Amino acid sequence: MFIGILTLHISLPGCRSLKEKRQRMGGLHERFGRNPAIAVCESGDHDRLDISEWTFVAAANPLPKVEALLSEIEDKIQRTVDGRVMEATREML
């Protein structure tokens, strides 16, 4: 079993409230949490309006499946979230 960790730092320019921040992030828990191979959480920058940090953990076998899951997550977020991915880090265990 392989485990991959993807951490995304997302810039939310012009965001003025926590409510707007939640709306712009658009239910990442619901979208990605349905997959039993993926865990998701808002992992940092809880008190900042202009930035959001999210971490995704994917577990699968073989390793290319984990890499594909993380790439799919990153691509989908870049297409659907009203913000800009500033930094993406990956770690494989």
PDB file of N, CA and C in Angstrom:
ATOM      1  N   MET A   1       0.848  -1.179   0.000  1.00  0.00           N
ATOM      2  CA  MET A   1       0.000   0.000   0.000  1.00  0.00           C
ATOM      3  C   MET A   1       0.889   1.236   0.000  1.00  0.00           C
ATOM      4  N   PHE A   2       0.554   2.181  -0.849  1.00  0.00           N
ATOM      5  CA  PHE A   2       1.293   3.442  -0.938  1.00  0.00           C
ATOM      6  C   PHE A   2       0.381   4.579  -0.488  1.00  0.00           C
ATOM      7  N   ILE A   3       0.988   5.569   0.139  1.00  0.00           N
ATOM      8  CA  ILE A   3       0.247   6.735   0.626  1.00  0.00           C
ATOM      9  C   ILE A   3       0.891   7.986   0.047  1.00  0.00           C
ATOM     10  N   GLY A   4       0.053   8.857  -0.506  1.00  0.00           N
ATOM     11  CA  GLY A   4       0.523  10.134  -1.036  1.00  0.00           C
ATOM     12  C   GLY A   4      -0.165  11.278  -0.319  1.00  0.00           C
ATOM     13  N   ILE A   5       0.589  12.316  -0.050  1.00  0.00           N
ATOM     14  CA  ILE A   5       0.058  13.505   0.624  1.00  0.00           C
ATOM     15  C   ILE A   5       0.251  14.703  -0.295  1.00  0.00           C
ATOM     16  N   LEU A   6      -0.837  15.389  -0.578  1.00  0.00           N
ATOM     17  CA  LEU A   6      -0.819  16.586  -1.417  1.00  0.00           C
ATOM     18  C   LEU A   6      -1.294  17.755  -0.568  1.00  0.00           C
ATOM     19  N   THR A   7      -0.458  18.793  -0.469  1.00  0.00           N
ATOM     20  CA  THR A   7      -0.839  20.008   0.264  1.00  0.00           C
ATOM     21  C   THR A   7      -0.873  21.165  -0.729  1.00  0.00           C
ATOM     22  N   LEU A   8      -2.003  21.860  -0.757  1.00  0.00           N
ATOM     23  CA  LEU A   8      -2.201  22.977  -1.674  1.00  0.00           C
ATOM     24  C   LEU A   8      -2.376  24.269  -0.895  1.00  0.00           C
ATOM     25  N   HIS A   9      -1.677  25.301  -1.318  1.00  0.00           N
ATOM     26  CA  HIS A   9      -1.842  26.655  -0.783  1.00  0.00           C
ATOM     27  C   HIS A   9      -2.554  27.449  -1.872  1.00  0.00           C
ATOM     28  N   ILE A  10      -3.756  27.896  -1.564  1.00  0.00           N
ATOM     29  CA  ILE A  10      -4.612  28.530  -2.557  1.00  0.00           C
ATOM     30  C   ILE A  10      -4.820  29.989  -2.187  1.00  0.00           C
ATOM     31  N   SER A  11      -4.527  30.873  -3.137  1.00  0.00           N
ATOM     32  CA  SER A  11      -4.734  32.304  -2.958  1.00  0.00           C
ATOM     33  C   SER A  11      -6.172  32.641  -3.333  1.00  0.00           C
ATOM     34  N   LEU A  12      -6.824  33.451  -2.498  1.00  0.00           N
ATOM     35  CA  LEU A  12      -8.201  33.872  -2.723  1.00  0.00           C
ATOM     36  C   LEU A  12      -8.258  35.397  -2.768  1.00  0.00           C
ATOM     37  N   PRO A  13      -7.770  36.005  -3.849  1.00  0.00           N
ATOM     38  CA  PRO A  13      -7.724  37.463  -3.913  1.00  0.00           C
ATOM     39  C   PRO A  13      -9.116  38.088  -3.820  1.00  0.00           C
ATOM     40  N   GLY A  14      -9.198  39.146  -3.029  1.00  0.00           N
ATOM     41  CA  GLY A  14     -10.454  39.878  -2.893  1.00  0.00           C
ATOM     42  C   GLY A  14     -11.447  39.247  -1.936  1.00  0.00           C
ATOM     43  N   CYS A  15     -11.104  38.184  -1.273  1.00  0.00           N
ATOM     44  CA  CYS A  15     -12.014  37.531  -0.328  1.00  0.00           C
ATOM     45  C   CYS A  15     -12.154  38.410   0.909  1.00  0.00           C
ATOM     46  N   ARG A  16     -13.413  38.714   1.316  1.00  0.00           N
ATOM     47  CA  ARG A  16     -13.633  39.674   2.398  1.00  0.00           C
ATOM     48  C   ARG A  16     -14.248  39.105   3.657  1.00  0.00           C
ATOM     49  N   SER A  17     -14.630  37.816   3.646  1.00  0.00           N
ATOM     50  CA  SER A  17     -15.240  37.243   4.852  1.00  0.00           C
ATOM     51  C   SER A  17     -15.000  35.736   4.878  1.00  0.00           C
ATOM     52  N   LEU A  18     -15.143  35.156   6.063  1.00  0.00           N
ATOM     53  CA  LEU A  18     -15.006  33.703   6.182  1.00  0.00           C
ATOM     54  C   LEU A  18     -16.113  32.993   5.414  1.00  0.00           C
ATOM     55  N   LYS A  19     -17.292  33.593   5.381  1.00  0.00           N
ATOM     56  CA  LYS A  19     -18.399  33.011   4.620  1.00  0.00           C
ATOM     57  C   LYS A  19     -18.049  32.952   3.136  1.00  0.00           C
ATOM     58  N   GLU A  20     -17.497  34.031   2.614  1.00  0.00           N
ATOM     59  CA  GLU A  20     -17.089  34.048   1.209  1.00  0.00           C
ATOM     60  C   GLU A  20     -15.982  33.026   0.955  1.00  0.00           C
ATOM     61  N   LYS A  21     -15.068  32.902   1.900  1.00  0.00           N
ATOM     62  CA  LYS A  21     -13.983  31.920   1.764  1.00  0.00           C
ATOM     63  C   LYS A  21     -14.562  30.512   1.645  1.00  0.00           C
ATOM     64  N   ARG A  22     -15.513  30.174   2.506  1.00  0.00           N
ATOM     65  CA  ARG A  22     -16.149  28.850   2.453  1.00  0.00           C
ATOM     66  C   ARG A  22     -16.859  28.640   1.119  1.00  0.00           C
ATOM     67  N   GLN A  23     -17.550  29.660   0.634  1.00  0.00           N
ATOM     68  CA  GLN A  23     -18.261  29.547  -0.634  1.00  0.00           C
ATOM     69  C   GLN A  23     -17.296  29.345  -1.795  1.00  0.00           C
ATOM     70  N   ARG A  24     -16.199  30.078  -1.792  1.00  0.00           N
ATOM     71  CA  ARG A  24     -15.241  29.985  -2.890  1.00  0.00           C
ATOM     72  C   ARG A  24     -14.520  28.646  -2.917  1.00  0.00           C
ATOM     73  N   MET A  25     -14.329  28.060  -1.748  1.00  0.00           N
ATOM     74  CA  MET A  25     -13.681  26.750  -1.705  1.00  0.00           C
ATOM     75  C   MET A  25     -14.649  25.648  -2.122  1.00  0.00           C
ATOM     76  N   GLY A  26     -15.916  25.943  -2.137  1.00  0.00           N
ATOM     77  CA  GLY A  26     -16.929  25.128  -2.778  1.00  0.00           C
ATOM     78  C   GLY A  26     -17.047  23.665  -2.409  1.00  0.00           C
ATOM     79  N   GLY A  27     -17.047  23.334  -1.159  1.00  0.00           N
ATOM     80  CA  GLY A  27     -17.341  21.974  -0.729  1.00  0.00           C
ATOM     81  C   GLY A  27     -16.305  20.930  -1.102  1.00  0.00           C
ATOM     82  N   LEU A  28     -15.045  21.226  -0.865  1.00  0.00           N
ATOM     83  CA  LEU A  28     -14.003  20.250  -1.190  1.00  0.00           C
ATOM     84  C   LEU A  28     -14.187  18.950  -0.417  1.00  0.00           C
ATOM     85  N   HIS A  29     -14.678  19.047   0.813  1.00  0.00           N
ATOM     86  CA  HIS A  29     -14.917  17.840   1.616  1.00  0.00           C
ATOM     87  C   HIS A  29     -15.893  16.914   0.896  1.00  0.00           C
ATOM     88  N   GLU A  30     -16.986  17.473   0.412  1.00  0.00           N
ATOM     89  CA  GLU A  30     -18.017  16.659  -0.226  1.00  0.00           C
ATOM     90  C   GLU A  30     -17.531  16.068  -1.543  1.00  0.00           C
ATOM     91  N   ARG A  31     -16.822  16.859  -2.335  1.00  0.00           N
ATOM     92  CA  ARG A  31     -16.373  16.382  -3.645  1.00  0.00           C
ATOM     93  C   ARG A  31     -15.356  15.256  -3.561  1.00  0.00           C
ATOM     94  N   PHE A  32     -14.369  15.422  -2.690  1.00  0.00           N
ATOM     95  CA  PHE A  32     -13.283  14.445  -2.654  1.00  0.00           C
ATOM     96  C   PHE A  32     -13.446  13.424  -1.533  1.00  0.00           C
ATOM     97  N   GLY A  33     -14.223  13.737  -0.516  1.00  0.00           N
ATOM     98  CA  GLY A  33     -14.396  12.838   0.610  1.00  0.00           C
ATOM     99  C   GLY A  33     -15.244  11.613   0.306  1.00  0.00           C
ATOM    100  N   ARG A  34     -15.936  11.616  -0.823  1.00  0.00           N
ATOM    101  CA  ARG A  34     -16.747  10.461  -1.215  1.00  0.00           C
ATOM    102  C   ARG A  34     -15.897   9.265  -1.607  1.00  0.00           C
ATOM    103  N   ASN A  35     -14.714   9.537  -2.094  1.00  0.00           N
ATOM    104  CA  ASN A  35     -13.815   8.461  -2.519  1.00  0.00           C
ATOM    105  C   ASN A  35     -13.184   7.834  -1.281  1.00  0.00           C
ATOM    106  N   PRO A  36     -13.374   6.530  -1.069  1.00  0.00           N
ATOM    107  CA  PRO A  36     -12.825   5.910   0.140  1.00  0.00           C
ATOM    108  C   PRO A  36     -11.298   5.879   0.187  1.00  0.00           C
ATOM    109  N   ALA A  37     -10.641   6.136  -0.931  1.00  0.00           N
ATOM    110  CA  ALA A  37      -9.175   6.139  -0.963  1.00  0.00           C
ATOM    111  C   ALA A  37      -8.587   7.508  -0.640  1.00  0.00           C
ATOM    112  N   ILE A  38      -9.453   8.516  -0.412  1.00  0.00           N
ATOM    113  CA  ILE A  38      -8.985   9.889  -0.210  1.00  0.00           C
ATOM    114  C   ILE A  38      -9.526  10.463   1.097  1.00  0.00           C
ATOM    115  N   ALA A  39      -8.641  11.120   1.849  1.00  0.00           N
ATOM    116  CA  ALA A  39      -9.042  11.898   3.025  1.00  0.00           C
ATOM    117  C   ALA A  39      -8.681  13.356   2.744  1.00  0.00           C
ATOM    118  N   VAL A  40      -9.515  14.282   3.199  1.00  0.00           N
ATOM    119  CA  VAL A  40      -9.292  15.700   2.902  1.00  0.00           C
ATOM    120  C   VAL A  40      -9.585  16.542   4.138  1.00  0.00           C
ATOM    121  N   CYS A  41      -8.775  17.606   4.333  1.00  0.00           N
ATOM    122  CA  CYS A  41      -9.050  18.542   5.424  1.00  0.00           C
ATOM    123  C   CYS A  41      -8.446  19.909   5.105  1.00  0.00           C
ATOM    124  N   GLU A  42      -9.073  20.938   5.657  1.00  0.00           N
ATOM    125  CA  GLU A  42      -8.474  22.269   5.613  1.00  0.00           C
ATOM    126  C   GLU A  42      -7.414  22.267   6.712  1.00  0.00           C
ATOM    127  N   SER A  43      -6.151  22.322   6.310  1.00  0.00           N
ATOM    128  CA  SER A  43      -5.062  22.051   7.247  1.00  0.00           C
ATOM    129  C   SER A  43      -4.342  23.285   7.771  1.00  0.00           C
ATOM    130  N   GLY A  44      -4.667  24.452   7.262  1.00  0.00           N
ATOM    131  CA  GLY A  44      -3.982  25.640   7.757  1.00  0.00           C
ATOM    132  C   GLY A  44      -4.624  26.913   7.272  1.00  0.00           C
ATOM    133  N   ASP A  45      -4.107  28.031   7.765  1.00  0.00           N
ATOM    134  CA  ASP A  45      -4.578  29.370   7.392  1.00  0.00           C
ATOM    135  C   ASP A  45      -6.075  29.544   7.658  1.00  0.00           C
ATOM    136  N   HIS A  46      -6.545  29.000   8.774  1.00  0.00           N
ATOM    137  CA  HIS A  46      -7.962  29.092   9.117  1.00  0.00           C
ATOM    138  C   HIS A  46      -8.412  30.526   9.375  1.00  0.00           C
ATOM    139  N   ASP A  47      -7.513  31.353   9.884  1.00  0.00           N
ATOM    140  CA  ASP A  47      -7.892  32.709  10.265  1.00  0.00           C
ATOM    141  C   ASP A  47      -7.604  33.750   9.186  1.00  0.00           C
ATOM    142  N   ARG A  48      -7.075  33.327   8.061  1.00  0.00           N
ATOM    143  CA  ARG A  48      -6.788  34.267   6.968  1.00  0.00           C
ATOM    144  C   ARG A  48      -7.877  34.186   5.916  1.00  0.00           C
ATOM    145  N   LEU A  49      -8.249  35.329   5.389  1.00  0.00           N
ATOM    146  CA  LEU A  49      -9.303  35.369   4.380  1.00  0.00           C
ATOM    147  C   LEU A  49      -8.760  35.179   2.966  1.00  0.00           C
ATOM    148  N   ASP A  50      -7.521  35.594   2.733  1.00  0.00           N
ATOM    149  CA  ASP A  50      -6.983  35.620   1.371  1.00  0.00           C
ATOM    150  C   ASP A  50      -6.211  34.360   0.985  1.00  0.00           C
ATOM    151  N   ILE A  51      -6.116  33.394   1.894  1.00  0.00           N
ATOM    152  CA  ILE A  51      -5.341  32.171   1.637  1.00  0.00           C
ATOM    153  C   ILE A  51      -6.045  30.997   2.294  1.00  0.00           C
ATOM    154  N   SER A  52      -5.943  29.841   1.657  1.00  0.00           N
ATOM    155  CA  SER A  52      -6.484  28.625   2.237  1.00  0.00           C
ATOM    156  C   SER A  52      -5.499  27.490   1.987  1.00  0.00           C
ATOM    157  N   GLU A  53      -5.285  26.655   2.991  1.00  0.00           N
ATOM    158  CA  GLU A  53      -4.392  25.508   2.842  1.00  0.00           C
ATOM    159  C   GLU A  53      -5.206  24.233   3.022  1.00  0.00           C
ATOM    160  N   TRP A  54      -5.086  23.322   2.076  1.00  0.00           N
ATOM    161  CA  TRP A  54      -5.815  22.057   2.114  1.00  0.00           C
ATOM    162  C   TRP A  54      -4.837  20.909   1.932  1.00  0.00           C
ATOM    163  N   THR A  55      -5.090  19.813   2.648  1.00  0.00           N
ATOM    164  CA  THR A  55      -4.264  18.617   2.528  1.00  0.00           C
ATOM    165  C   THR A  55      -5.146  17.441   2.143  1.00  0.00           C
ATOM    166  N   PHE A  56      -4.659  16.678   1.179  1.00  0.00           N
ATOM    167  CA  PHE A  56      -5.339  15.484   0.684  1.00  0.00           C
ATOM    168  C   PHE A  56      -4.409  14.300   0.880  1.00  0.00           C
ATOM    169  N   VAL A  57      -4.946  13.206   1.395  1.00  0.00           N
ATOM    170  CA  VAL A  57      -4.175  11.989   1.582  1.00  0.00           C
ATOM    171  C   VAL A  57      -4.851  10.905   0.753  1.00  0.00           C
ATOM    172  N   ALA A  58      -4.070  10.262  -0.114  1.00  0.00           N
ATOM    173  CA  ALA A  58      -4.590   9.187  -0.962  1.00  0.00           C
ATOM    174  C   ALA A  58      -3.826   7.905  -0.663  1.00  0.00           C
ATOM    175  N   ALA A  59      -4.552   6.803  -0.567  1.00  0.00           N
ATOM    176  CA  ALA A  59      -3.934   5.503  -0.316  1.00  0.00           C
ATOM    177  C   ALA A  59      -4.410   4.525  -1.385  1.00  0.00           C
ATOM    178  N   ALA A  60      -3.462   3.843  -2.021  1.00  0.00           N
ATOM    179  CA  ALA A  60      -3.813   2.876  -3.061  1.00  0.00           C
ATOM    180  C   ALA A  60      -2.596   2.025  -3.389  1.00  0.00           C
ATOM    181  N   ASN A  61      -2.844   1.047  -4.197  1.00  0.00           N
ATOM    182  CA  ASN A  61      -1.788   0.174  -4.677  1.00  0.00           C
ATOM    183  C   ASN A  61      -2.063  -0.063  -6.150  1.00  0.00           C
ATOM    184  N   PRO A  62      -1.173   0.140  -7.034  1.00  0.00           N
ATOM    185  CA  PRO A  62       0.241   0.469  -6.945  1.00  0.00           C
ATOM    186  C   PRO A  62       0.475   1.979  -6.866  1.00  0.00           C
ATOM    187  N   LEU A  63       1.738   2.361  -6.790  1.00  0.00           N
ATOM    188  CA  LEU A  63       2.130   3.764  -6.657  1.00  0.00           C
ATOM    189  C   LEU A  63       1.582   4.650  -7.770  1.00  0.00           C
ATOM    190  N   PRO A  64       1.588   4.219  -9.043  1.00  0.00           N
ATOM    191  CA  PRO A  64       1.031   5.089 -10.088  1.00  0.00           C
ATOM    192  C   PRO A  64      -0.444   5.457  -9.863  1.00  0.00           C
ATOM    193  N   LYS A  65      -1.198   4.599  -9.194  1.00  0.00           N
ATOM    194  CA  LYS A  65      -2.594   4.910  -8.876  1.00  0.00           C
ATOM    195  C   LYS A  65      -2.673   6.076  -7.892  1.00  0.00           C
ATOM    196  N   VAL A  66      -1.787   6.091  -6.890  1.00  0.00           N
ATOM    197  CA  VAL A  66      -1.742   7.195  -5.921  1.00  0.00           C
ATOM    198  C   VAL A  66      -1.369   8.488  -6.630  1.00  0.00           C
ATOM    199  N   GLU A  67      -0.356   8.427  -7.478  1.00  0.00           N
ATOM    200  CA  GLU A  67       0.072   9.615  -8.217  1.00  0.00           C
ATOM    201  C   GLU A  67      -1.045  10.137  -9.112  1.00  0.00           C
ATOM    202  N   ALA A  68      -1.799   9.240  -9.737  1.00  0.00           N
ATOM    203  CA  ALA A  68      -2.913   9.646 -10.600  1.00  0.00           C
ATOM    204  C   ALA A  68      -4.026  10.304  -9.785  1.00  0.00           C
ATOM    205  N   LEU A  69      -4.327   9.766  -8.606  1.00  0.00           N
ATOM    206  CA  LEU A  69      -5.345  10.365  -7.742  1.00  0.00           C
ATOM    207  C   LEU A  69      -4.964  11.784  -7.343  1.00  0.00           C
ATOM    208  N   LEU A  70      -3.707  11.980  -6.929  1.00  0.00           N
ATOM    209  CA  LEU A  70      -3.256  13.314  -6.512  1.00  0.00           C
ATOM    210  C   LEU A  70      -3.259  14.289  -7.686  1.00  0.00           C
ATOM    211  N   SER A  71      -2.861  13.837  -8.865  1.00  0.00           N
ATOM    212  CA  SER A  71      -2.891  14.703 -10.053  1.00  0.00           C
ATOM    213  C   SER A  71      -4.316  15.095 -10.412  1.00  0.00           C
ATOM    214  N   GLU A  72      -5.231  14.142 -10.299  1.00  0.00           N
ATOM    215  CA  GLU A  72      -6.637  14.417 -10.585  1.00  0.00           C
ATOM    216  C   GLU A  72      -7.197  15.459  -9.620  1.00  0.00           C
ATOM    217  N   ILE A  73      -6.866  15.339  -8.349  1.00  0.00           N
ATOM    218  CA  ILE A  73      -7.318  16.310  -7.345  1.00  0.00           C
ATOM    219  C   ILE A  73      -6.791  17.702  -7.680  1.00  0.00           C
ATOM    220  N   GLU A  74      -5.490  17.787  -7.935  1.00  0.00           N
ATOM    221  CA  GLU A  74      -4.881  19.095  -8.225  1.00  0.00           C
ATOM    222  C   GLU A  74      -5.482  19.721  -9.473  1.00  0.00           C
ATOM    223  N   ASP A  75      -5.654  18.937 -10.517  1.00  0.00           N
ATOM    224  CA  ASP A  75      -6.234  19.459 -11.765  1.00  0.00           C
ATOM    225  C   ASP A  75      -7.662  19.949 -11.559  1.00  0.00           C
ATOM    226  N   LYS A  76      -8.452  19.166 -10.837  1.00  0.00           N
ATOM    227  CA  LYS A  76      -9.854  19.539 -10.620  1.00  0.00           C
ATOM    228  C   LYS A  76      -9.965  20.815  -9.793  1.00  0.00           C
ATOM    229  N   ILE A  77      -9.116  20.971  -8.800  1.00  0.00           N
ATOM    230  CA  ILE A  77      -9.153  22.183  -7.975  1.00  0.00           C
ATOM    231  C   ILE A  77      -8.751  23.402  -8.803  1.00  0.00           C
ATOM    232  N   GLN A  78      -7.738  23.255  -9.638  1.00  0.00           N
ATOM    233  CA  GLN A  78      -7.322  24.387 -10.468  1.00  0.00           C
ATOM    234  C   GLN A  78      -8.429  24.807 -11.434  1.00  0.00           C
ATOM    235  N   ARG A  79      -9.265  23.864 -11.862  1.00  0.00           N
ATOM    236  CA  ARG A  79     -10.346  24.183 -12.792  1.00  0.00           C
ATOM    237  C   ARG A  79     -11.596  24.715 -12.105  1.00  0.00           C
ATOM    238  N   THR A  80     -11.862  24.306 -10.863  1.00  0.00           N
ATOM    239  CA  THR A  80     -13.176  24.588 -10.272  1.00  0.00           C
ATOM    240  C   THR A  80     -13.185  25.592  -9.124  1.00  0.00           C
ATOM    241  N   VAL A  81     -12.077  25.790  -8.439  1.00  0.00           N
ATOM    242  CA  VAL A  81     -12.056  26.702  -7.293  1.00  0.00           C
ATOM    243  C   VAL A  81     -11.814  28.130  -7.765  1.00  0.00           C
ATOM    244  N   ASP A  82     -12.569  29.065  -7.188  1.00  0.00           N
ATOM    245  CA  ASP A  82     -12.413  30.481  -7.512  1.00  0.00           C
ATOM    246  C   ASP A  82     -11.228  31.041  -6.732  1.00  0.00           C
ATOM    247  N   GLY A  83     -10.056  30.647  -7.155  1.00  0.00           N
ATOM    248  CA  GLY A  83      -8.803  31.051  -6.523  1.00  0.00           C
ATOM    249  C   GLY A  83      -7.655  30.537  -7.376  1.00  0.00           C
ATOM    250  N   ARG A  84      -6.446  30.702  -6.873  1.00  0.00           N
ATOM    251  CA  ARG A  84      -5.268  30.293  -7.641  1.00  0.00           C
ATOM    252  C   ARG A  84      -4.352  29.455  -6.755  1.00  0.00           C
ATOM    253  N   VAL A  85      -3.979  28.276  -7.247  1.00  0.00           N
ATOM    254  CA  VAL A  85      -3.053  27.427  -6.509  1.00  0.00           C
ATOM    255  C   VAL A  85      -1.675  28.076  -6.578  1.00  0.00           C
ATOM    256  N   MET A  86      -1.179  28.499  -5.417  1.00  0.00           N
ATOM    257  CA  MET A  86       0.115  29.167  -5.353  1.00  0.00           C
ATOM    258  C   MET A  86       1.259  28.172  -5.151  1.00  0.00           C
ATOM    259  N   GLU A  87       0.977  27.096  -4.413  1.00  0.00           N
ATOM    260  CA  GLU A  87       2.014  26.113  -4.132  1.00  0.00           C
ATOM    261  C   GLU A  87       1.357  24.749  -3.946  1.00  0.00           C
ATOM    262  N   ALA A  88       1.974  23.744  -4.507  1.00  0.00           N
ATOM    263  CA  ALA A  88       1.524  22.363  -4.328  1.00  0.00           C
ATOM    264  C   ALA A  88       2.725  21.517  -3.951  1.00  0.00           C
ATOM    265  N   THR A  89       2.620  20.810  -2.831  1.00  0.00           N
ATOM    266  CA  THR A  89       3.703  19.930  -2.414  1.00  0.00           C
ATOM    267  C   THR A  89       3.160  18.514  -2.297  1.00  0.00           C
ATOM    268  N   ARG A  90       3.997  17.559  -2.689  1.00  0.00           N
ATOM    269  CA  ARG A  90       3.619  16.140  -2.623  1.00  0.00           C
ATOM    270  C   ARG A  90       4.657  15.384  -1.828  1.00  0.00           C
ATOM    271  N   GLU A  91       4.167  14.393  -1.109  1.00  0.00           N
ATOM    272  CA  GLU A  91       5.050  13.517  -0.356  1.00  0.00           C
ATOM    273  C   GLU A  91       4.504  12.095  -0.505  1.00  0.00           C
ATOM    274  N   MET A  92       5.363  11.149  -0.806  1.00  0.00           N
ATOM    275  CA  MET A  92       4.970   9.752  -0.944  1.00  0.00           C
ATOM    276  C   MET A  92       5.549   8.947   0.209  1.00  0.00           C
ATOM    277  N   LEU A  93       4.722   8.111   0.798  1.00  0.00           N
ATOM    278  CA  LEU A  93       5.171   7.253   1.904  1.00  0.00           C
ATOM    279  C   LEU A  93       5.070   5.796   1.488  1.00  0.00           C
TER     280      LEU A  93
END
